[in-house]
Amino acid sequence: MPTCTVAAMLLVLSSGLIAFAEEPTFAERLGWPEGARVVIFHNDDAGLCHEANIGSIRGVEEGLITSWSVMMPCAWVSEIRDYLKAHPDVCSGLHLTLTCEWDKYRWRPVACAADVPGLLDPDGYMWGGVRDVAQNATADEFEAEIRAQIALAERMGLPISHLDTHMGTVYATEEFVQRYVAIGMEKQIPVMIPGGHMTILREENPELAEYADAVKMLAELVWASGLPVLDDLHTAAYDWKTDDKTDRFIEVLRGLKPGVTQVIIHATERTPNFDQISGSGELRQGDLNAMLDLKLKQFIEEEGIILTNWRELKQRRAKAN
């Protein structure tokens, strides 16, 4: 769907010509029973490095991770590609990457540098921060890089169960998010977007409250295009600077409202090599430890929480009205 069409539809929605009635949760709309609490444990940063790949793989094979997404500009994508060829049932999406935040480990855009000069810092790598991207890159450059990452994944034979965002860059500007959503709808690839009650997301990010209605309208367009939508999104685990996170995850799950909630984690096997890349090794190891912890698994079973992934969401959306 062209971006201009998305913008036009948003204007119609915001003008009040289309009104939202009280809706059931997206979990109900996807066929789960009323009151169901459905969770995606989603691991970001596959392909970043060997340690991130090991964390992703162990989390899926031995633990509670149900989905991951791959950073196409990074050096270890081939390893994760080879794993996925041997394990085609794993739910794997693309972690659309427009920034490069580490000082000692840098990467460049997938698109030709001449086509995306606004995505390049003075050293020729991606910018380190989201604000830098928003200030320097045009929406056309943003879109060109997203399309280049999708095209590379397709050439490499990577499955694309969904699209999401590294460091939230796709939400940095109104034009960025419209292009992101439009590409997903055009290609019929689910996009990570919350459109339900957003209870946790609002609590964690009170500054987003003023944008909640606009996001909901955009999410309804995504749903109308035949793609699934999340009810809520938990992003705070990266702020828990510890390698012992099980009880924190239990606290979050205990307070879940009905609906489909994605819990974003960064499960990584910490090594001296990873510590040269990033100072986040402890908290990433904490995510992996929690995903492997039988205490957390038992709590989920006792609470009747349903685990799912993006592949199942798309399948259920195809059957929904």
Protein backbone atom coordinates (compact mmCIF):
# COMPACT_ATOMS: atom_id res chain seq x y z
CA MET A 1 0.00 0.00 0.00
CA PRO A 2 1.52 3.38 -0.97
CA THR A 3 2.54 5.64 1.89
CA CYS A 4 0.29 8.42 0.61
CA THR A 5 -2.68 6.08 1.01
CA VAL A 6 -1.71 5.38 4.62
CA ALA A 7 -1.48 9.10 5.31
CA ALA A 8 -4.85 9.76 3.72
CA MET A 9 -6.51 7.02 5.72
CA LEU A 10 -4.99 8.38 8.91
CA LEU A 11 -6.51 11.78 8.15
CA VAL A 12 -9.91 10.20 7.71
CA LEU A 13 -9.57 8.30 10.97
CA SER A 14 -8.38 11.30 12.93
CA SER A 15 -11.17 13.47 11.57
CA GLY A 16 -13.70 11.26 13.27
CA LEU A 17 -15.30 9.94 10.11
CA ILE A 18 -14.46 6.45 11.30
CA ALA A 19 -15.28 5.82 14.94
CA PHE A 20 -13.95 3.02 17.08
CA ALA A 21 -16.49 1.06 19.03
CA GLU A 22 -15.51 -0.72 22.21
CA GLU A 23 -13.45 -3.57 20.83
CA PRO A 24 -12.45 -6.95 22.23
CA THR A 25 -8.73 -7.56 22.65
CA PHE A 26 -6.71 -8.48 19.61
CA ALA A 27 -6.18 -11.86 21.27
CA GLU A 28 -9.95 -12.42 21.11
CA ARG A 29 -10.09 -11.12 17.55
CA LEU A 30 -7.39 -13.67 16.72
CA GLY A 31 -9.49 -16.49 18.10
CA TRP A 32 -8.30 -16.95 21.67
CA PRO A 33 -10.98 -17.06 24.38
CA GLU A 34 -12.12 -13.96 26.23
CA GLY A 35 -9.72 -13.09 29.02
CA ALA A 36 -6.80 -15.03 27.51
CA ARG A 37 -3.33 -13.73 28.34
CA VAL A 38 -1.09 -14.48 25.37
CA VAL A 39 2.64 -13.75 25.36
CA ILE A 40 5.44 -13.58 22.81
CA PHE A 41 8.87 -13.80 24.42
CA HIS A 42 10.80 -12.04 21.67
CA ASN A 43 14.57 -11.99 21.43
CA ASP A 44 16.12 -9.00 19.69
CA ASP A 45 19.55 -8.80 18.04
CA ALA A 46 20.01 -12.20 16.41
CA GLY A 47 22.85 -11.89 13.91
CA LEU A 48 24.60 -9.22 15.98
CA CYS A 49 27.41 -11.58 17.03
CA HIS A 50 28.02 -15.25 17.86
CA GLU A 51 27.01 -14.73 21.50
CA ALA A 52 23.68 -13.18 20.51
CA ASN A 53 23.04 -16.11 18.18
CA ILE A 54 23.83 -18.63 20.92
CA GLY A 55 21.48 -16.80 23.31
CA SER A 56 18.72 -16.84 20.72
CA ILE A 57 19.21 -20.52 19.88
CA ARG A 58 19.47 -21.71 23.49
CA GLY A 59 16.42 -19.64 24.40
CA VAL A 60 14.36 -21.32 21.70
CA GLU A 61 15.70 -24.86 22.13
CA GLU A 62 15.94 -24.98 25.92
CA GLY A 63 13.77 -22.15 27.17
CA LEU A 64 10.80 -19.86 26.67
CA ILE A 65 11.81 -17.70 23.70
CA THR A 66 9.14 -18.02 21.02
CA SER A 67 10.40 -15.60 18.38
CA TRP A 68 13.49 -13.63 17.41
CA SER A 69 14.54 -11.03 14.84
CA VAL A 70 17.74 -10.62 12.84
CA MET A 71 19.96 -7.55 12.35
CA MET A 72 20.77 -7.71 8.64
CA PRO A 73 23.67 -5.20 8.59
CA CYS A 74 25.64 -7.21 11.16
CA ALA A 75 28.48 -9.69 10.72
CA TRP A 76 26.97 -12.88 12.13
CA VAL A 77 23.81 -13.15 10.03
CA SER A 78 25.20 -16.09 8.04
CA GLU A 79 25.44 -18.20 11.19
CA ILE A 80 21.80 -17.60 12.06
CA ARG A 81 20.82 -18.21 8.41
CA ASP A 82 22.51 -21.61 8.47
CA TYR A 83 20.74 -22.49 11.72
CA LEU A 84 17.36 -21.50 10.29
CA LYS A 85 17.92 -23.65 7.21
CA ALA A 86 18.31 -26.63 9.52
CA HIS A 87 15.45 -25.52 11.80
CA PRO A 88 12.72 -24.07 9.55
CA ASP A 89 10.08 -24.12 12.29
CA VAL A 90 11.77 -21.32 14.24
CA CYS A 91 9.89 -18.01 14.08
CA SER A 92 12.40 -15.45 12.78
CA GLY A 93 11.76 -11.88 11.68
CA LEU A 94 13.86 -8.84 10.79
CA HIS A 95 15.12 -6.39 13.41
CA LEU A 96 15.19 -3.39 11.10
CA THR A 97 18.46 -1.68 11.95
CA LEU A 98 19.10 2.00 11.26
CA THR A 99 21.56 2.72 14.09
CA CYS A 100 24.91 1.39 15.32
CA GLU A 101 25.32 2.18 19.01
CA TRP A 102 28.59 0.45 19.93
CA ASP A 103 31.95 2.25 19.81
CA LYS A 104 34.16 -0.76 19.00
CA TYR A 105 31.82 -2.76 16.75
CA ARG A 106 30.40 -0.78 13.84
CA TRP A 107 28.31 -1.59 10.80
CA ARG A 108 27.16 0.16 7.65
CA PRO A 109 23.82 0.27 5.82
CA VAL A 110 22.87 -2.60 3.53
CA ALA A 111 21.78 -0.14 0.84
CA CYS A 112 24.36 1.54 -1.39
CA ALA A 113 25.94 4.41 0.55
CA ALA A 114 25.23 6.82 -2.31
CA ASP A 115 21.50 6.11 -1.94
CA VAL A 116 21.35 6.68 1.83
CA PRO A 117 23.89 9.40 2.74
CA GLY A 118 21.71 10.64 5.59
CA LEU A 119 22.10 7.29 7.36
CA LEU A 120 25.92 7.65 7.48
CA ASP A 121 27.89 9.26 10.29
CA PRO A 122 31.17 11.08 9.50
CA ASP A 123 33.05 7.75 9.61
CA GLY A 124 30.72 6.11 7.10
CA TYR A 125 28.92 3.90 9.62
CA MET A 126 25.33 4.11 10.80
CA TRP A 127 24.60 6.80 13.36
CA GLY A 128 24.89 5.87 17.02
CA GLY A 129 21.55 7.29 18.15
CA VAL A 130 17.93 7.46 17.04
CA ARG A 131 17.86 11.25 17.19
CA ASP A 132 20.81 11.42 14.79
CA VAL A 133 18.91 9.32 12.27
CA ALA A 134 15.76 11.42 12.61
CA GLN A 135 17.74 14.64 12.11
CA ASN A 136 19.87 13.52 9.18
CA ALA A 137 17.99 10.88 7.17
CA THR A 138 15.06 11.49 4.87
CA ALA A 139 12.03 9.24 4.79
CA ASP A 140 13.11 8.08 1.31
CA GLU A 141 16.52 7.02 2.66
CA PHE A 142 14.84 5.30 5.60
CA GLU A 143 12.58 3.37 3.24
CA ALA A 144 15.44 2.49 0.88
CA GLU A 145 17.40 0.91 3.74
CA ILE A 146 14.41 -1.06 5.04
CA ARG A 147 13.74 -2.41 1.57
CA ALA A 148 17.43 -3.27 1.13
CA GLN A 149 17.45 -5.24 4.39
CA ILE A 150 14.32 -7.16 3.38
CA ALA A 151 15.78 -7.85 -0.07
CA LEU A 152 19.05 -9.13 1.42
CA ALA A 153 17.15 -11.44 3.77
CA GLU A 154 15.19 -12.80 0.83
CA ARG A 155 18.36 -13.38 -1.23
CA MET A 156 19.96 -15.21 1.69
CA GLY A 157 16.91 -17.42 2.12
CA LEU A 158 15.98 -16.09 5.55
CA PRO A 159 12.36 -16.45 6.60
CA ILE A 160 10.63 -13.19 7.54
CA SER A 161 7.85 -13.84 10.03
CA HIS A 162 7.59 -10.16 10.99
CA LEU A 163 9.31 -6.78 11.05
CA ASP A 164 10.33 -4.88 14.18
CA THR A 165 12.77 -2.14 15.09
CA HIS A 166 16.25 -1.80 16.59
CA MET A 167 16.25 0.95 19.23
CA GLY A 168 12.73 1.99 18.14
CA THR A 169 14.04 3.99 15.18
CA VAL A 170 11.02 3.29 12.98
CA TYR A 171 8.95 5.30 15.47
CA ALA A 172 11.33 8.29 15.47
CA THR A 173 9.21 10.36 13.09
CA GLU A 174 5.68 10.26 11.72
CA GLU A 175 6.98 9.67 8.21
CA PHE A 176 9.24 6.84 9.33
CA VAL A 177 6.44 4.91 11.02
CA GLN A 178 4.12 5.41 8.08
CA ARG A 179 6.73 4.02 5.68
CA TYR A 180 7.41 1.08 8.02
CA VAL A 181 3.75 0.18 8.26
CA ALA A 182 3.14 0.71 4.53
CA ILE A 183 5.96 -1.68 3.58
CA GLY A 184 4.61 -4.34 5.93
CA MET A 185 1.13 -4.01 4.48
CA GLU A 186 2.43 -3.98 0.92
CA LYS A 187 4.45 -7.15 1.44
CA GLN A 188 1.96 -8.69 3.87
CA ILE A 189 4.63 -9.08 6.54
CA PRO A 190 3.38 -8.47 10.09
CA VAL A 191 4.84 -5.39 11.75
CA MET A 192 5.37 -4.95 15.46
CA ILE A 193 2.79 -2.37 16.46
CA PRO A 194 0.70 -2.20 19.65
CA GLY A 195 -2.91 -1.21 19.13
CA GLY A 196 -4.86 -2.54 22.11
CA HIS A 197 -5.01 -1.32 25.70
CA MET A 198 -1.22 -0.74 25.82
CA THR A 199 -1.28 -0.84 29.62
CA ILE A 200 2.36 -1.79 30.17
CA LEU A 201 3.64 0.40 27.35
CA ARG A 202 1.90 3.46 28.81
CA GLU A 203 3.19 2.71 32.31
CA GLU A 204 6.77 2.27 31.09
CA ASN A 205 6.67 5.24 28.74
CA PRO A 206 4.27 7.91 30.07
CA GLU A 207 5.59 10.36 27.50
CA LEU A 208 3.98 8.20 24.78
CA ALA A 209 0.46 8.75 26.11
CA GLU A 210 -0.20 11.67 23.76
CA TYR A 211 0.59 9.45 20.75
CA ALA A 212 -1.47 6.44 21.87
CA ASP A 213 -4.57 7.33 19.89
CA ALA A 214 -2.59 7.89 16.69
CA VAL A 215 -0.83 4.56 17.13
CA LYS A 216 -4.18 2.84 17.66
CA MET A 217 -5.50 4.31 14.44
CA LEU A 218 -2.44 3.11 12.57
CA ALA A 219 -2.80 -0.33 14.16
CA GLU A 220 -6.39 -0.55 12.92
CA LEU A 221 -5.12 0.05 9.39
CA VAL A 222 -2.64 -2.77 9.88
CA TRP A 223 -5.44 -5.04 11.09
CA ALA A 224 -7.70 -4.04 8.20
CA SER A 225 -4.92 -4.96 5.76
CA GLY A 226 -5.03 -8.54 7.03
CA LEU A 227 -2.13 -8.42 9.46
CA PRO A 228 -2.12 -9.11 13.24
CA VAL A 229 -1.71 -6.46 15.94
CA LEU A 230 -0.44 -6.56 19.54
CA ASP A 231 -2.47 -5.45 22.53
CA ASP A 232 0.56 -4.45 24.60
CA LEU A 233 4.35 -4.27 24.55
CA HIS A 234 6.88 -4.69 27.37
CA THR A 235 10.26 -3.10 26.69
CA ALA A 236 11.75 -2.44 30.15
CA ALA A 237 13.81 -5.62 30.69
CA TYR A 238 16.83 -3.92 29.12
CA ASP A 239 16.81 -1.47 32.03
CA TRP A 240 17.12 -4.25 34.61
CA LYS A 241 20.90 -4.23 35.14
CA THR A 242 21.22 -7.67 36.67
CA ASP A 243 21.82 -11.28 35.68
CA ASP A 244 18.95 -12.46 37.94
CA LYS A 245 15.67 -11.41 36.33
CA THR A 246 13.26 -14.29 36.87
CA ASP A 247 11.29 -12.63 39.66
CA ARG A 248 11.03 -9.41 37.66
CA PHE A 249 9.51 -11.28 34.73
CA ILE A 250 7.11 -13.08 37.07
CA GLU A 251 6.02 -9.72 38.46
CA VAL A 252 5.30 -8.46 34.94
CA LEU A 253 3.41 -11.59 33.94
CA ARG A 254 1.35 -11.58 37.13
CA GLY A 255 0.06 -8.12 36.25
CA LEU A 256 -0.76 -8.84 32.61
CA LYS A 257 -4.13 -7.75 31.32
CA PRO A 258 -5.88 -9.96 28.75
CA GLY A 259 -4.58 -9.69 25.21
CA VAL A 260 -1.46 -10.41 23.17
CA THR A 261 1.63 -8.94 24.85
CA GLN A 262 5.12 -9.01 23.39
CA VAL A 263 7.93 -9.08 25.96
CA ILE A 264 11.17 -7.88 24.40
CA ILE A 265 14.41 -9.42 25.66
CA HIS A 266 18.05 -9.55 24.57
CA ALA A 267 19.15 -13.03 25.62
CA THR A 268 22.88 -13.32 24.95
CA GLU A 269 25.58 -15.64 26.22
CA ARG A 270 28.07 -13.33 27.92
CA THR A 271 31.74 -13.90 27.07
CA PRO A 272 34.92 -11.80 27.30
CA ASN A 273 34.53 -11.18 23.58
CA PHE A 274 31.01 -9.81 24.02
CA ASP A 275 32.25 -7.57 26.82
CA GLN A 276 34.54 -5.97 24.23
CA ILE A 277 31.47 -5.18 22.12
CA SER A 278 29.15 -3.88 24.80
CA GLY A 279 28.83 -3.23 28.50
CA SER A 280 25.39 -4.83 28.49
CA GLY A 281 26.59 -8.41 28.96
CA GLU A 282 25.26 -8.83 32.49
CA LEU A 283 21.70 -7.79 31.72
CA ARG A 284 21.65 -9.82 28.50
CA GLN A 285 22.89 -12.89 30.35
CA GLY A 286 20.11 -12.18 32.85
CA ASP A 287 17.54 -12.40 30.07
CA LEU A 288 18.96 -15.74 28.96
CA ASN A 289 19.07 -17.06 32.52
CA ALA A 290 15.42 -16.17 33.05
CA MET A 291 14.33 -17.76 29.77
CA LEU A 292 16.02 -21.01 30.87
CA ASP A 293 14.68 -20.87 34.44
CA LEU A 294 12.20 -23.63 35.30
CA LYS A 295 10.70 -21.38 37.96
CA LEU A 296 9.47 -18.99 35.27
CA LYS A 297 8.20 -21.82 33.11
CA GLN A 298 6.27 -23.30 36.03
CA PHE A 299 4.71 -19.93 36.85
CA ILE A 300 3.51 -19.53 33.25
CA GLU A 301 1.94 -22.98 33.31
CA GLU A 302 0.25 -22.40 36.66
CA GLU A 303 -1.15 -19.04 35.53
CA GLY A 304 -2.50 -20.45 32.28
CA ILE A 305 -0.55 -17.94 30.20
CA ILE A 306 -0.43 -18.92 26.54
CA LEU A 307 2.86 -18.62 24.63
CA THR A 308 2.76 -17.83 20.92
CA ASN A 309 4.86 -16.33 18.12
CA TRP A 310 4.46 -14.10 15.09
CA ARG A 311 4.00 -17.00 12.73
CA GLU A 312 0.95 -18.18 14.67
CA LEU A 313 -0.41 -14.63 14.87
CA LYS A 314 -0.34 -14.34 11.08
CA GLN A 315 -1.99 -17.73 10.66
CA ARG A 316 -4.75 -16.79 13.08
CA ARG A 317 -5.24 -13.41 11.41
CA ALA A 318 -5.82 -15.15 8.09
CA LYS A 319 -8.72 -17.04 9.68
CA ALA A 320 -10.20 -14.06 11.54
CA ASN A 321 -12.97 -11.81 10.23
